[in-house]
Protein backbone atom coordinates (compact mmCIF):
# COMPACT_ATOMS: atom_id res chain seq x y z
CA MET A 1 60.06 -4.63 -15.51
CA GLU A 2 57.65 -2.14 -17.07
CA ASP A 3 56.43 0.76 -15.02
CA VAL A 4 52.87 0.57 -13.66
CA PRO A 5 51.36 3.37 -15.80
CA THR A 6 52.62 1.61 -18.97
CA GLN A 7 51.08 -1.69 -17.91
CA LEU A 8 47.75 -0.07 -17.10
CA ARG A 9 47.73 1.85 -20.38
CA LYS A 10 48.41 -1.29 -22.41
CA GLY A 11 45.42 -2.97 -20.82
CA ALA A 12 43.16 -0.05 -21.72
CA LEU A 13 44.49 0.70 -25.20
CA GLU A 14 42.31 -1.81 -27.06
CA LEU A 15 39.19 -0.43 -25.39
CA ALA A 16 40.27 3.12 -26.24
CA VAL A 17 40.71 2.22 -29.92
CA LEU A 18 37.33 0.46 -29.99
CA ALA A 19 35.74 3.54 -28.37
CA LEU A 20 37.19 5.83 -31.04
CA LEU A 21 35.92 3.52 -33.78
CA ALA A 22 32.49 3.40 -32.11
CA GLN A 23 32.33 7.17 -32.63
CA GLN A 24 33.21 7.10 -36.34
CA PRO A 25 35.40 5.32 -38.92
CA ARG A 26 39.04 6.35 -38.67
CA TYR A 27 42.37 5.61 -40.30
CA ALA A 28 45.38 4.53 -38.23
CA VAL A 29 47.24 7.84 -38.09
CA GLU A 30 44.01 9.56 -37.05
CA ILE A 31 43.70 7.06 -34.18
CA VAL A 32 47.29 7.77 -33.11
CA ASP A 33 46.58 11.53 -33.22
CA ASP A 34 43.31 11.20 -31.28
CA LEU A 35 44.98 9.11 -28.57
CA ALA A 36 47.86 11.60 -28.36
CA GLN A 37 45.37 14.26 -27.26
CA ARG A 38 44.37 12.14 -24.25
CA PRO A 39 47.07 12.10 -21.56
CA GLY A 40 47.93 8.54 -20.59
CA LEU A 41 46.62 6.99 -23.81
CA GLU A 42 49.37 8.14 -26.16
CA ALA A 43 50.50 5.34 -28.46
CA SER A 44 52.85 5.15 -31.41
CA ALA A 45 51.92 3.96 -34.87
CA GLY A 46 54.12 0.94 -34.13
CA THR A 47 51.68 0.01 -31.36
CA ILE A 48 48.43 0.91 -33.13
CA TYR A 49 49.03 -0.86 -36.47
CA PRO A 50 49.55 -4.32 -34.91
CA LEU A 51 46.56 -3.75 -32.61
CA LEU A 52 44.35 -2.86 -35.61
CA THR A 53 45.60 -5.93 -37.47
CA ARG A 54 44.75 -8.13 -34.49
CA LEU A 55 41.28 -6.56 -34.22
CA LYS A 56 40.73 -7.12 -37.96
CA ASN A 57 41.92 -10.74 -37.77
CA SER A 58 39.57 -11.28 -34.83
CA GLY A 59 36.65 -10.01 -36.90
CA LEU A 60 36.05 -7.01 -34.64
CA VAL A 61 36.82 -4.37 -37.28
CA ASN A 62 36.29 -4.03 -41.00
CA THR A 63 38.47 -2.02 -43.34
CA ARG A 64 37.90 -0.07 -46.52
CA TRP A 65 40.12 2.10 -48.66
CA HIS A 66 39.06 5.70 -49.15
CA GLU A 67 40.64 8.24 -51.49
CA SER A 68 42.40 11.07 -49.70
CA PRO A 69 42.22 14.67 -50.92
CA VAL A 70 45.93 14.97 -50.07
CA GLY A 71 48.13 11.97 -50.77
CA PRO A 72 47.53 8.26 -51.20
CA PRO A 73 44.31 6.43 -50.29
CA ARG A 74 43.77 5.69 -46.59
CA LYS A 75 42.58 2.49 -44.98
CA TYR A 76 39.64 3.27 -42.72
CA TYR A 77 38.65 1.03 -39.83
CA THR A 78 35.08 0.54 -38.63
CA LEU A 79 33.59 -1.72 -35.99
CA SER A 80 31.98 -4.88 -37.34
CA THR A 81 28.71 -6.10 -35.85
CA SER A 82 30.64 -8.37 -33.49
CA GLY A 83 33.02 -5.48 -32.80
CA VAL A 84 30.13 -3.31 -31.64
CA HIS A 85 28.99 -6.07 -29.28
CA HIS A 86 32.55 -6.66 -28.05
CA PHE A 87 33.01 -2.94 -27.42
CA GLU A 88 29.74 -2.67 -25.46
CA VAL A 89 30.64 -5.66 -23.26
CA GLN A 90 34.16 -4.33 -22.65
CA ARG A 91 32.90 -0.80 -21.99
CA ASP A 92 30.34 -1.96 -19.45
CA ALA A 93 32.86 -4.19 -17.67
CA TRP A 94 35.42 -1.36 -17.58
CA LEU A 95 32.88 1.11 -16.20
CA ARG A 96 31.86 -1.29 -13.41
CA LEU A 97 35.48 -2.07 -12.54
CA SER A 98 36.72 1.52 -12.70
CA THR A 99 33.80 2.85 -10.65
CA ALA A 100 34.43 0.26 -7.93
CA LEU A 101 38.17 0.94 -7.94
CA ILE A 102 37.73 4.73 -7.80
CA THR A 103 35.38 4.33 -4.85
CA LEU A 104 37.88 2.09 -3.06
CA LEU A 105 40.82 4.43 -3.75
CA LYS A 106 38.85 7.41 -2.43
CA GLU A 107 38.13 5.47 0.78
CA VAL A 108 41.86 4.91 1.25
CA GLN A 109 42.60 8.60 0.65
CA SER A 110 40.19 9.77 3.36
């Protein structure tokens, strides 16, 4: 059985990737690096690439190739129109849920 932090992180990872893409277009390795800077959201390329493929197949992200100044071209991911809407709905639901849960957990701590 997976540990609890891993299960919670998996549930939040899609929203985290959508949030990064809502900020600006990014390529996969950049997403991995950005998540690595946020304790608890670290994810390997082996996790991010399939997630990006699923988001693309669902029509939530678009891709485009962009020449790189160092090395081969990179595939950049951006939110599609439906991806922006999906992100906003997910973000709002997460904020409501997390606020309520934080309030409850603080009550238990007291």
